Amino acid sequence: MSPVEAWLNANTEGYAHLVPDERQAIHEFSLLWSFFEARVMANNASIGGFRARVAQAANHGSGLDVEPFQEALAFFTARYRDGSGFNHRFQALRFHPGPNGGRTEVEAVSSEAQTGAAETILALLIIVYRLRNNLFHGEKWSYYFKDQLGNFTHASAILMRTVELFAVKGLLTVPE
């Protein structure tokens, strides 16, 4: 066990109860987010930036292939919707109000009102961004990361597929 993990075990509630796969998923997501933000978003991730970059990718070359994102889409749709609509987990994403909050895009794709590749990839990136914000701004500590393995595993897959998409299109940014 590393000194940091020993400290987290001793000084935080919940960390000691995470299984190794949960810890690994959180660590991997953190590293992938940093790489994604540097190489896809030029160190400036935002919902408006996602809109612009997804549109750029859609208009570059042969469009977008949503197939690599389907498993994550199915996971998050099942996670955030139930028989009566959007559930408490969806509310816990804590969307910001207004047109730049991203909620509208995620609702449209999750309810299948929008099914295009660009709309789907954008909605998934917004979900990942909300998970990232909830992780890095402390929200996940309020319930000790309970039931987060699937979230971080699928969010990491979205980040990897997005980097691959931008690499194939020659649209990765160059670190300065």
C-alpha atoms as a PDB file:
ATOM      1  CA  MET A   1       0.000   0.000   0.000  1.00  0.00           C
ATOM      2  CA  SER A   2       1.355   3.413  -0.917  1.00  0.00           C
ATOM      3  CA  PRO A   3       1.748   6.184   1.676  1.00  0.00           C
ATOM      4  CA  VAL A   4      -1.145   8.058   0.043  1.00  0.00           C
ATOM      5  CA  GLU A   5      -3.450   5.039   0.204  1.00  0.00           C
ATOM      6  CA  ALA A   6      -2.457   4.414   3.814  1.00  0.00           C
ATOM      7  CA  TRP A   7      -3.281   8.031   4.631  1.00  0.00           C
ATOM      8  CA  LEU A   8      -6.631   7.850   2.799  1.00  0.00           C
ATOM      9  CA  ASN A   9      -7.493   4.632   4.647  1.00  0.00           C
ATOM     10  CA  ALA A  10      -6.692   6.229   8.003  1.00  0.00           C
ATOM     11  CA  ASN A  11      -8.089   9.720   7.466  1.00  0.00           C
ATOM     12  CA  THR A  12     -11.156   9.487   5.251  1.00  0.00           C
ATOM     13  CA  GLU A  13     -14.468   7.814   5.592  1.00  0.00           C
ATOM     14  CA  GLY A  14     -15.228   5.322   2.880  1.00  0.00           C
ATOM     15  CA  TYR A  15     -11.888   4.867   1.142  1.00  0.00           C
ATOM     16  CA  ALA A  16     -10.981   1.806   3.205  1.00  0.00           C
ATOM     17  CA  HIS A  17     -14.231   0.151   2.087  1.00  0.00           C
ATOM     18  CA  LEU A  18     -13.495   0.493  -1.616  1.00  0.00           C
ATOM     19  CA  VAL A  19     -12.434  -2.717  -3.313  1.00  0.00           C
ATOM     20  CA  PRO A  20      -9.255  -2.617  -5.415  1.00  0.00           C
ATOM     21  CA  ASP A  21     -11.231  -2.440  -8.689  1.00  0.00           C
ATOM     22  CA  GLU A  22     -13.070   0.665  -7.463  1.00  0.00           C
ATOM     23  CA  ARG A  23      -9.855   2.371  -6.437  1.00  0.00           C
ATOM     24  CA  GLN A  24      -8.224   1.458  -9.738  1.00  0.00           C
ATOM     25  CA  ALA A  25     -11.173   2.792 -11.757  1.00  0.00           C
ATOM     26  CA  ILE A  26     -11.024   6.152  -9.960  1.00  0.00           C
ATOM     27  CA  HIS A  27      -7.250   6.412 -10.417  1.00  0.00           C
ATOM     28  CA  GLU A  28      -7.441   5.478 -14.099  1.00  0.00           C
ATOM     29  CA  PHE A  29     -10.270   7.926 -14.736  1.00  0.00           C
ATOM     30  CA  SER A  30      -8.255  10.736 -13.164  1.00  0.00           C
ATOM     31  CA  LEU A  31      -5.263  10.061 -15.419  1.00  0.00           C
ATOM     32  CA  LEU A  32      -7.386   9.610 -18.532  1.00  0.00           C
ATOM     33  CA  TRP A  33      -9.286  12.824 -17.827  1.00  0.00           C
ATOM     34  CA  SER A  34      -6.039  14.763 -17.622  1.00  0.00           C
ATOM     35  CA  PHE A  35      -4.810  13.300 -20.911  1.00  0.00           C
ATOM     36  CA  PHE A  36      -8.176  13.835 -22.634  1.00  0.00           C
ATOM     37  CA  GLU A  37      -8.396  17.441 -21.489  1.00  0.00           C
ATOM     38  CA  ALA A  38      -4.839  18.137 -22.688  1.00  0.00           C
ATOM     39  CA  ARG A  39      -5.042  16.437 -26.081  1.00  0.00           C
ATOM     40  CA  VAL A  40      -8.701  16.823 -27.093  1.00  0.00           C
ATOM     41  CA  MET A  41      -9.701  20.006 -25.271  1.00  0.00           C
ATOM     42  CA  ALA A  42      -6.385  21.929 -25.309  1.00  0.00           C
ATOM     43  CA  ASN A  43      -6.436  22.119 -21.486  1.00  0.00           C
ATOM     44  CA  ASN A  44      -9.813  23.880 -21.430  1.00  0.00           C
ATOM     45  CA  ALA A  45     -12.730  21.483 -21.024  1.00  0.00           C
ATOM     46  CA  SER A  46     -16.236  22.917 -20.956  1.00  0.00           C
ATOM     47  CA  ILE A  47     -19.613  21.960 -22.320  1.00  0.00           C
ATOM     48  CA  GLY A  48     -19.348  24.696 -24.929  1.00  0.00           C
ATOM     49  CA  GLY A  49     -15.925  23.365 -25.843  1.00  0.00           C
ATOM     50  CA  PHE A  50     -17.337  19.837 -26.206  1.00  0.00           C
ATOM     51  CA  ARG A  51     -19.993  21.160 -28.568  1.00  0.00           C
ATOM     52  CA  ALA A  52     -17.384  22.856 -30.721  1.00  0.00           C
ATOM     53  CA  ARG A  53     -14.950  19.934 -30.786  1.00  0.00           C
ATOM     54  CA  VAL A  54     -17.614  17.296 -31.502  1.00  0.00           C
ATOM     55  CA  ALA A  55     -18.963  19.472 -34.327  1.00  0.00           C
ATOM     56  CA  GLN A  56     -15.424  19.857 -35.666  1.00  0.00           C
ATOM     57  CA  ALA A  57     -14.906  16.083 -35.616  1.00  0.00           C
ATOM     58  CA  ALA A  58     -18.301  15.475 -37.240  1.00  0.00           C
ATOM     59  CA  ASN A  59     -17.433  17.844 -40.080  1.00  0.00           C
ATOM     60  CA  HIS A  60     -13.936  16.407 -40.587  1.00  0.00           C
ATOM     61  CA  GLY A  61     -13.604  13.427 -42.882  1.00  0.00           C
ATOM     62  CA  SER A  62     -16.287  10.772 -42.955  1.00  0.00           C
ATOM     63  CA  GLY A  63     -18.371  11.864 -39.965  1.00  0.00           C
ATOM     64  CA  LEU A  64     -18.580  10.064 -36.637  1.00  0.00           C
ATOM     65  CA  ASP A  65     -18.910   6.401 -35.723  1.00  0.00           C
ATOM     66  CA  VAL A  66     -20.998   6.025 -32.587  1.00  0.00           C
ATOM     67  CA  GLU A  67     -20.585   2.235 -32.377  1.00  0.00           C
ATOM     68  CA  PRO A  68     -17.550   2.360 -30.020  1.00  0.00           C
ATOM     69  CA  PHE A  69     -19.693   4.389 -27.588  1.00  0.00           C
ATOM     70  CA  GLN A  70     -22.789   2.148 -27.562  1.00  0.00           C
ATOM     71  CA  GLU A  71     -21.917   0.091 -24.481  1.00  0.00           C
ATOM     72  CA  ALA A  72     -21.360   3.229 -22.403  1.00  0.00           C
ATOM     73  CA  LEU A  73     -24.551   4.786 -23.771  1.00  0.00           C
ATOM     74  CA  ALA A  74     -26.552   1.698 -22.779  1.00  0.00           C
ATOM     75  CA  PHE A  75     -24.993   1.703 -19.307  1.00  0.00           C
ATOM     76  CA  PHE A  76     -25.688   5.375 -18.589  1.00  0.00           C
ATOM     77  CA  THR A  77     -29.189   5.272 -20.072  1.00  0.00           C
ATOM     78  CA  ALA A  78     -30.080   2.321 -17.829  1.00  0.00           C
ATOM     79  CA  ARG A  79     -28.412   3.997 -14.846  1.00  0.00           C
ATOM     80  CA  TYR A  80     -30.178   7.341 -15.160  1.00  0.00           C
ATOM     81  CA  ARG A  81     -33.640   6.298 -16.330  1.00  0.00           C
ATOM     82  CA  ASP A  82     -36.264   4.083 -14.789  1.00  0.00           C
ATOM     83  CA  GLY A  83     -39.893   3.332 -15.612  1.00  0.00           C
ATOM     84  CA  SER A  84     -41.016   6.813 -14.602  1.00  0.00           C
ATOM     85  CA  GLY A  85     -38.301   8.800 -16.395  1.00  0.00           C
ATOM     86  CA  PHE A  86     -35.082  10.278 -15.090  1.00  0.00           C
ATOM     87  CA  ASN A  87     -34.215   9.101 -11.587  1.00  0.00           C
ATOM     88  CA  HIS A  88     -32.329  10.350  -8.515  1.00  0.00           C
ATOM     89  CA  ARG A  89     -28.987   9.280  -9.980  1.00  0.00           C
ATOM     90  CA  PHE A  90     -29.603  11.570 -12.942  1.00  0.00           C
ATOM     91  CA  GLN A  91     -30.376  14.430 -10.554  1.00  0.00           C
ATOM     92  CA  ALA A  92     -27.113  13.669  -8.710  1.00  0.00           C
ATOM     93  CA  LEU A  93     -25.167  14.664 -11.829  1.00  0.00           C
ATOM     94  CA  ARG A  94     -25.916  18.209 -10.627  1.00  0.00           C
ATOM     95  CA  PHE A  95     -26.307  19.920 -13.969  1.00  0.00           C
ATOM     96  CA  HIS A  96     -25.881  23.662 -13.921  1.00  0.00           C
ATOM     97  CA  PRO A  97     -29.028  25.566 -14.917  1.00  0.00           C
ATOM     98  CA  GLY A  98     -29.386  27.230 -18.266  1.00  0.00           C
ATOM     99  CA  PRO A  99     -28.532  26.477 -21.872  1.00  0.00           C
ATOM    100  CA  ASN A 100     -24.877  25.711 -21.141  1.00  0.00           C
ATOM    101  CA  GLY A 101     -25.604  23.212 -18.381  1.00  0.00           C
ATOM    102  CA  GLY A 102     -25.801  20.208 -20.702  1.00  0.00           C
ATOM    103  CA  ARG A 103     -28.920  18.696 -19.205  1.00  0.00           C
ATOM    104  CA  THR A 104     -31.003  19.177 -22.359  1.00  0.00           C
ATOM    105  CA  GLU A 105     -28.510  17.275 -24.515  1.00  0.00           C
ATOM    106  CA  VAL A 106     -28.222  14.377 -22.078  1.00  0.00           C
ATOM    107  CA  GLU A 107     -31.998  14.106 -21.659  1.00  0.00           C
ATOM    108  CA  ALA A 108     -32.543  14.135 -25.431  1.00  0.00           C
ATOM    109  CA  VAL A 109     -30.078  11.306 -26.062  1.00  0.00           C
ATOM    110  CA  SER A 110     -31.069   9.258 -22.995  1.00  0.00           C
ATOM    111  CA  SER A 111     -34.740   9.402 -23.973  1.00  0.00           C
ATOM    112  CA  GLU A 112     -33.865   8.645 -27.620  1.00  0.00           C
ATOM    113  CA  ALA A 113     -35.314  11.948 -28.837  1.00  0.00           C
ATOM    114  CA  GLN A 114     -31.876  12.503 -30.410  1.00  0.00           C
ATOM    115  CA  THR A 115     -30.006   9.532 -31.853  1.00  0.00           C
ATOM    116  CA  GLY A 116     -27.346  11.082 -34.072  1.00  0.00           C
ATOM    117  CA  ALA A 117     -23.696  10.219 -33.574  1.00  0.00           C
ATOM    118  CA  ALA A 118     -22.627  13.784 -32.755  1.00  0.00           C
ATOM    119  CA  GLU A 119     -25.478  14.256 -30.286  1.00  0.00           C
ATOM    120  CA  THR A 120     -24.714  10.918 -28.627  1.00  0.00           C
ATOM    121  CA  ILE A 121     -20.992  11.575 -28.232  1.00  0.00           C
ATOM    122  CA  LEU A 122     -21.685  15.081 -26.931  1.00  0.00           C
ATOM    123  CA  ALA A 123     -24.187  13.785 -24.355  1.00  0.00           C
ATOM    124  CA  LEU A 124     -21.730  11.142 -23.170  1.00  0.00           C
ATOM    125  CA  LEU A 125     -18.960  13.717 -22.811  1.00  0.00           C
ATOM    126  CA  ILE A 126     -21.309  15.889 -20.760  1.00  0.00           C
ATOM    127  CA  ILE A 127     -22.047  12.941 -18.451  1.00  0.00           C
ATOM    128  CA  VAL A 128     -18.313  12.309 -18.078  1.00  0.00           C
ATOM    129  CA  TYR A 129     -17.782  16.005 -17.339  1.00  0.00           C
ATOM    130  CA  ARG A 130     -20.440  15.945 -14.611  1.00  0.00           C
ATOM    131  CA  LEU A 131     -18.849  12.819 -13.085  1.00  0.00           C
ATOM    132  CA  ARG A 132     -15.472  14.549 -13.244  1.00  0.00           C
ATOM    133  CA  ASN A 133     -16.845  17.645 -11.534  1.00  0.00           C
ATOM    134  CA  ASN A 134     -18.536  15.567  -8.849  1.00  0.00           C
ATOM    135  CA  LEU A 135     -15.258  13.715  -8.247  1.00  0.00           C
ATOM    136  CA  PHE A 136     -12.867  16.663  -8.238  1.00  0.00           C
ATOM    137  CA  HIS A 137     -15.176  19.061  -6.398  1.00  0.00           C
ATOM    138  CA  GLY A 138     -15.851  16.601  -3.581  1.00  0.00           C
ATOM    139  CA  GLU A 139     -19.429  15.489  -4.241  1.00  0.00           C
ATOM    140  CA  LYS A 140     -18.443  11.811  -4.483  1.00  0.00           C
ATOM    141  CA  TRP A 141     -17.131  11.920  -0.896  1.00  0.00           C
ATOM    142  CA  SER A 142     -20.646  12.660   0.395  1.00  0.00           C
ATOM    143  CA  TYR A 143     -21.582   9.027  -0.224  1.00  0.00           C
ATOM    144  CA  TYR A 144     -18.064   7.551  -0.102  1.00  0.00           C
ATOM    145  CA  PHE A 145     -17.919   6.576  -3.782  1.00  0.00           C
ATOM    146  CA  LYS A 146     -20.644   3.978  -3.279  1.00  0.00           C
ATOM    147  CA  ASP A 147     -21.732   2.282  -6.504  1.00  0.00           C
ATOM    148  CA  GLN A 148     -19.258   4.149  -8.721  1.00  0.00           C
ATOM    149  CA  LEU A 149     -17.283   1.353 -10.393  1.00  0.00           C
ATOM    150  CA  GLY A 150     -19.523   1.262 -13.464  1.00  0.00           C
ATOM    151  CA  ASN A 151     -19.563   5.041 -13.713  1.00  0.00           C
ATOM    152  CA  PHE A 152     -15.798   5.388 -13.777  1.00  0.00           C
ATOM    153  CA  THR A 153     -15.211   2.299 -15.920  1.00  0.00           C
ATOM    154  CA  HIS A 154     -17.600   3.522 -18.624  1.00  0.00           C
ATOM    155  CA  ALA A 155     -16.485   7.146 -18.307  1.00  0.00           C
ATOM    156  CA  SER A 156     -12.909   6.011 -18.896  1.00  0.00           C
ATOM    157  CA  ALA A 157     -14.014   4.043 -21.957  1.00  0.00           C
ATOM    158  CA  ILE A 158     -15.696   7.183 -23.333  1.00  0.00           C
ATOM    159  CA  LEU A 159     -12.511   9.180 -22.815  1.00  0.00           C
ATOM    160  CA  MET A 160     -10.379   6.546 -24.546  1.00  0.00           C
ATOM    161  CA  ARG A 161     -12.779   6.229 -27.500  1.00  0.00           C
ATOM    162  CA  THR A 162     -12.911  10.024 -27.839  1.00  0.00           C
ATOM    163  CA  VAL A 163      -9.122  10.362 -27.874  1.00  0.00           C
ATOM    164  CA  GLU A 164      -8.959   7.581 -30.476  1.00  0.00           C
ATOM    165  CA  LEU A 165     -11.609   9.319 -32.581  1.00  0.00           C
ATOM    166  CA  PHE A 166      -9.735  12.620 -32.546  1.00  0.00           C
ATOM    167  CA  ALA A 167      -6.409  10.872 -33.228  1.00  0.00           C
ATOM    168  CA  VAL A 168      -7.770   9.101 -36.321  1.00  0.00           C
ATOM    169  CA  LYS A 169      -9.102  12.418 -37.608  1.00  0.00           C
ATOM    170  CA  GLY A 170      -5.800  14.185 -36.900  1.00  0.00           C
ATOM    171  CA  LEU A 171      -7.525  16.562 -34.489  1.00  0.00           C
ATOM    172  CA  LEU A 172      -5.544  16.036 -31.287  1.00  0.00           C
ATOM    173  CA  THR A 173      -4.046  19.183 -29.842  1.00  0.00           C
ATOM    174  CA  VAL A 174      -0.316  19.450 -29.280  1.00  0.00           C
ATOM    175  CA  PRO A 175       0.789  20.174 -25.711  1.00  0.00           C
ATOM    176  CA  GLU A 176       2.656  23.454 -25.420  1.00  0.00           C
END
